[in-house]
Amino acid sequence: MIIKILGLGCRNCNTLKENTEKALKELDIEAEVIKVEDFEEMATYGVMSPPALVIDDKVVSSRKILKTKEIVKILKKN
């Protein structure tokens, strides 16, 4: 599983990354977490307003700082 956090390095993007890592740990799932800060790459996902969460190249959330519980629910579906 490859998870990307799309954002420009702001506090909200960092919080989303931290919450994602907590959710992965809680579920005991190994995944590669990549922070994408390049605007052109973000645009390829159709994201113009970060932060966004991408799981295996599918945007599952954008413009929202998901809480750990919310990310756990999303990961369980995937």
N, C-alpha and C. Protein backbone atom coordinates (compact mmCIF):
# COMPACT_ATOMS: atom_id res chain seq x y z
N MET A 1 0.85 -1.17 0.00
CA MET A 1 0.00 0.00 0.00
C MET A 1 0.90 1.24 0.00
N ILE A 2 0.55 2.16 -0.87
CA ILE A 2 1.28 3.43 -0.92
C ILE A 2 0.29 4.54 -0.59
N ILE A 3 0.65 5.33 0.39
CA ILE A 3 -0.19 6.43 0.83
C ILE A 3 0.57 7.73 0.59
N LYS A 4 -0.13 8.68 -0.03
CA LYS A 4 0.49 9.97 -0.28
C LYS A 4 -0.29 11.06 0.44
N ILE A 5 0.44 11.96 1.05
CA ILE A 5 -0.12 13.13 1.68
C ILE A 5 0.22 14.30 0.75
N LEU A 6 -0.79 14.89 0.16
CA LEU A 6 -0.57 15.99 -0.76
C LEU A 6 -0.71 17.31 -0.02
N GLY A 7 0.30 18.13 -0.08
CA GLY A 7 0.26 19.41 0.60
C GLY A 7 1.55 20.16 0.43
N LEU A 8 1.51 21.41 0.78
CA LEU A 8 2.67 22.28 0.57
C LEU A 8 3.54 22.43 1.80
N GLY A 9 3.46 21.48 2.72
CA GLY A 9 4.30 21.52 3.90
C GLY A 9 3.74 22.32 5.05
N CYS A 10 2.47 22.62 4.98
CA CYS A 10 1.84 23.41 6.04
C CYS A 10 1.54 22.55 7.27
N ARG A 11 1.15 23.20 8.33
CA ARG A 11 0.83 22.52 9.59
C ARG A 11 -0.28 21.49 9.40
N ASN A 12 -1.30 21.84 8.61
CA ASN A 12 -2.42 20.93 8.38
C ASN A 12 -1.97 19.66 7.67
N CYS A 13 -1.09 19.81 6.72
CA CYS A 13 -0.57 18.66 5.98
C CYS A 13 0.27 17.76 6.88
N ASN A 14 1.06 18.38 7.74
CA ASN A 14 1.86 17.61 8.69
C ASN A 14 0.97 16.86 9.67
N THR A 15 -0.11 17.49 10.11
CA THR A 15 -1.06 16.84 11.02
C THR A 15 -1.71 15.65 10.35
N LEU A 16 -2.10 15.80 9.08
CA LEU A 16 -2.70 14.69 8.35
C LEU A 16 -1.72 13.52 8.23
N LYS A 17 -0.46 13.82 7.99
CA LYS A 17 0.56 12.77 7.90
C LYS A 17 0.70 12.06 9.24
N GLU A 18 0.76 12.81 10.32
CA GLU A 18 0.88 12.20 11.65
C GLU A 18 -0.32 11.32 11.97
N ASN A 19 -1.52 11.81 11.67
CA ASN A 19 -2.73 11.04 11.94
C ASN A 19 -2.78 9.77 11.09
N THR A 20 -2.29 9.85 9.88
CA THR A 20 -2.23 8.68 9.00
C THR A 20 -1.28 7.64 9.57
N GLU A 21 -0.13 8.08 10.02
CA GLU A 21 0.85 7.16 10.60
C GLU A 21 0.30 6.51 11.87
N LYS A 22 -0.44 7.25 12.67
CA LYS A 22 -1.06 6.69 13.87
C LYS A 22 -2.09 5.63 13.50
N ALA A 23 -2.89 5.90 12.47
CA ALA A 23 -3.92 4.95 12.03
C ALA A 23 -3.27 3.66 11.52
N LEU A 24 -2.20 3.80 10.76
CA LEU A 24 -1.49 2.62 10.26
C LEU A 24 -0.95 1.78 11.41
N LYS A 25 -0.40 2.45 12.40
CA LYS A 25 0.15 1.75 13.56
C LYS A 25 -0.97 1.05 14.34
N GLU A 26 -2.08 1.75 14.52
CA GLU A 26 -3.22 1.19 15.24
C GLU A 26 -3.74 -0.09 14.58
N LEU A 27 -3.74 -0.10 13.25
CA LEU A 27 -4.24 -1.26 12.50
C LEU A 27 -3.14 -2.27 12.20
N ASP A 28 -1.92 -1.95 12.59
CA ASP A 28 -0.76 -2.80 12.31
C ASP A 28 -0.62 -3.07 10.81
N ILE A 29 -0.71 -2.01 10.03
CA ILE A 29 -0.58 -2.09 8.57
C ILE A 29 0.73 -1.42 8.18
N GLU A 30 1.47 -2.12 7.33
CA GLU A 30 2.69 -1.51 6.80
C GLU A 30 2.36 -0.85 5.47
N ALA A 31 2.78 0.37 5.33
CA ALA A 31 2.55 1.12 4.10
C ALA A 31 3.64 2.15 3.94
N GLU A 32 3.90 2.50 2.72
CA GLU A 32 4.84 3.57 2.43
C GLU A 32 4.07 4.88 2.44
N VAL A 33 4.49 5.80 3.29
CA VAL A 33 3.83 7.11 3.38
C VAL A 33 4.76 8.14 2.74
N ILE A 34 4.23 8.78 1.70
CA ILE A 34 5.02 9.75 0.93
C ILE A 34 4.36 11.11 1.02
N LYS A 35 5.15 12.11 1.31
CA LYS A 35 4.65 13.49 1.32
C LYS A 35 4.93 14.12 -0.04
N VAL A 36 3.88 14.59 -0.69
CA VAL A 36 4.02 15.21 -2.00
C VAL A 36 3.79 16.71 -1.84
N GLU A 37 4.83 17.49 -2.12
CA GLU A 37 4.74 18.94 -1.96
C GLU A 37 4.83 19.68 -3.29
N ASP A 38 4.94 18.93 -4.39
CA ASP A 38 5.04 19.52 -5.72
C ASP A 38 3.63 19.81 -6.24
N PHE A 39 3.34 21.08 -6.51
CA PHE A 39 1.99 21.47 -6.92
C PHE A 39 1.57 20.79 -8.22
N GLU A 40 2.50 20.64 -9.16
CA GLU A 40 2.17 20.00 -10.44
C GLU A 40 1.77 18.55 -10.23
N GLU A 41 2.46 17.85 -9.35
CA GLU A 41 2.11 16.45 -9.06
C GLU A 41 0.75 16.38 -8.37
N MET A 42 0.48 17.33 -7.45
CA MET A 42 -0.82 17.37 -6.79
C MET A 42 -1.93 17.57 -7.82
N ALA A 43 -1.66 18.42 -8.79
CA ALA A 43 -2.66 18.71 -9.82
C ALA A 43 -3.00 17.47 -10.65
N THR A 44 -2.06 16.53 -10.79
CA THR A 44 -2.36 15.32 -11.55
C THR A 44 -3.44 14.49 -10.87
N TYR A 45 -3.63 14.71 -9.57
CA TYR A 45 -4.69 14.02 -8.82
C TYR A 45 -5.97 14.85 -8.78
N GLY A 46 -5.92 16.03 -9.38
CA GLY A 46 -7.09 16.90 -9.37
C GLY A 46 -7.25 17.67 -8.07
N VAL A 47 -6.19 17.71 -7.27
CA VAL A 47 -6.23 18.39 -5.97
C VAL A 47 -5.67 19.80 -6.13
N MET A 48 -6.50 20.77 -5.86
CA MET A 48 -6.08 22.17 -5.93
C MET A 48 -6.03 22.80 -4.54
N SER A 49 -6.70 22.17 -3.58
CA SER A 49 -6.73 22.68 -2.22
C SER A 49 -6.32 21.59 -1.25
N PRO A 50 -5.05 21.56 -0.86
CA PRO A 50 -4.58 20.56 0.08
C PRO A 50 -5.08 20.88 1.50
N PRO A 51 -4.95 19.98 2.42
CA PRO A 51 -4.29 18.68 2.29
C PRO A 51 -5.21 17.65 1.66
N ALA A 52 -4.57 16.61 1.12
CA ALA A 52 -5.33 15.51 0.54
C ALA A 52 -4.65 14.19 0.91
N LEU A 53 -5.48 13.16 1.00
CA LEU A 53 -4.99 11.82 1.32
C LEU A 53 -5.26 10.93 0.11
N VAL A 54 -4.18 10.29 -0.37
CA VAL A 54 -4.27 9.42 -1.55
C VAL A 54 -3.81 8.03 -1.13
N ILE A 55 -4.65 7.04 -1.40
CA ILE A 55 -4.29 5.65 -1.10
C ILE A 55 -4.27 4.88 -2.40
N ASP A 56 -3.12 4.31 -2.70
CA ASP A 56 -2.93 3.55 -3.94
C ASP A 56 -3.47 4.32 -5.15
N ASP A 57 -3.04 5.58 -5.26
CA ASP A 57 -3.36 6.47 -6.38
C ASP A 57 -4.83 6.87 -6.48
N LYS A 58 -5.60 6.69 -5.42
CA LYS A 58 -6.99 7.13 -5.38
C LYS A 58 -7.14 8.19 -4.29
N VAL A 59 -7.64 9.36 -4.67
CA VAL A 59 -7.87 10.42 -3.69
C VAL A 59 -9.08 10.03 -2.83
N VAL A 60 -8.84 9.88 -1.53
CA VAL A 60 -9.92 9.48 -0.62
C VAL A 60 -10.40 10.65 0.23
N SER A 61 -9.64 11.73 0.26
CA SER A 61 -10.04 12.91 1.03
C SER A 61 -9.22 14.10 0.55
N SER A 62 -9.89 15.26 0.51
CA SER A 62 -9.15 16.49 0.22
C SER A 62 -9.81 17.64 0.96
N ARG A 63 -9.00 18.66 1.20
CA ARG A 63 -9.44 19.88 1.90
C ARG A 63 -9.95 19.61 3.31
N LYS A 64 -9.43 18.54 3.92
CA LYS A 64 -9.87 18.19 5.27
C LYS A 64 -8.72 17.56 6.04
N ILE A 65 -8.63 17.90 7.31
CA ILE A 65 -7.65 17.26 8.17
C ILE A 65 -8.36 16.12 8.88
N LEU A 66 -8.18 14.92 8.35
CA LEU A 66 -8.86 13.77 8.92
C LEU A 66 -8.27 13.42 10.28
N LYS A 67 -9.14 13.01 11.18
CA LYS A 67 -8.69 12.51 12.48
C LYS A 67 -8.26 11.06 12.30
N THR A 68 -7.50 10.58 13.26
CA THR A 68 -7.00 9.21 13.20
C THR A 68 -8.14 8.21 13.04
N LYS A 69 -9.24 8.38 13.78
CA LYS A 69 -10.38 7.47 13.70
C LYS A 69 -10.96 7.43 12.28
N GLU A 70 -11.02 8.58 11.64
CA GLU A 70 -11.57 8.65 10.28
C GLU A 70 -10.66 7.91 9.30
N ILE A 71 -9.37 8.04 9.48
CA ILE A 71 -8.42 7.36 8.60
C ILE A 71 -8.48 5.85 8.81
N VAL A 72 -8.66 5.44 10.06
CA VAL A 72 -8.80 4.00 10.36
C VAL A 72 -9.98 3.43 9.57
N LYS A 73 -11.10 4.12 9.57
CA LYS A 73 -12.28 3.66 8.83
C LYS A 73 -11.99 3.54 7.34
N ILE A 74 -11.30 4.52 6.80
CA ILE A 74 -10.96 4.50 5.37
C ILE A 74 -10.04 3.34 5.06
N LEU A 75 -9.04 3.13 5.91
CA LEU A 75 -8.09 2.04 5.68
C LEU A 75 -8.76 0.67 5.77
N LYS A 76 -9.72 0.53 6.64
CA LYS A 76 -10.43 -0.75 6.77
C LYS A 76 -11.21 -1.07 5.51
N LYS A 77 -11.68 -0.06 4.81
CA LYS A 77 -12.42 -0.27 3.56
C LYS A 77 -11.52 -0.67 2.41
N ASN A 78 -10.25 -0.30 2.49
CA ASN A 78 -9.32 -0.58 1.38
C ASN A 78 -8.63 -1.89 1.53
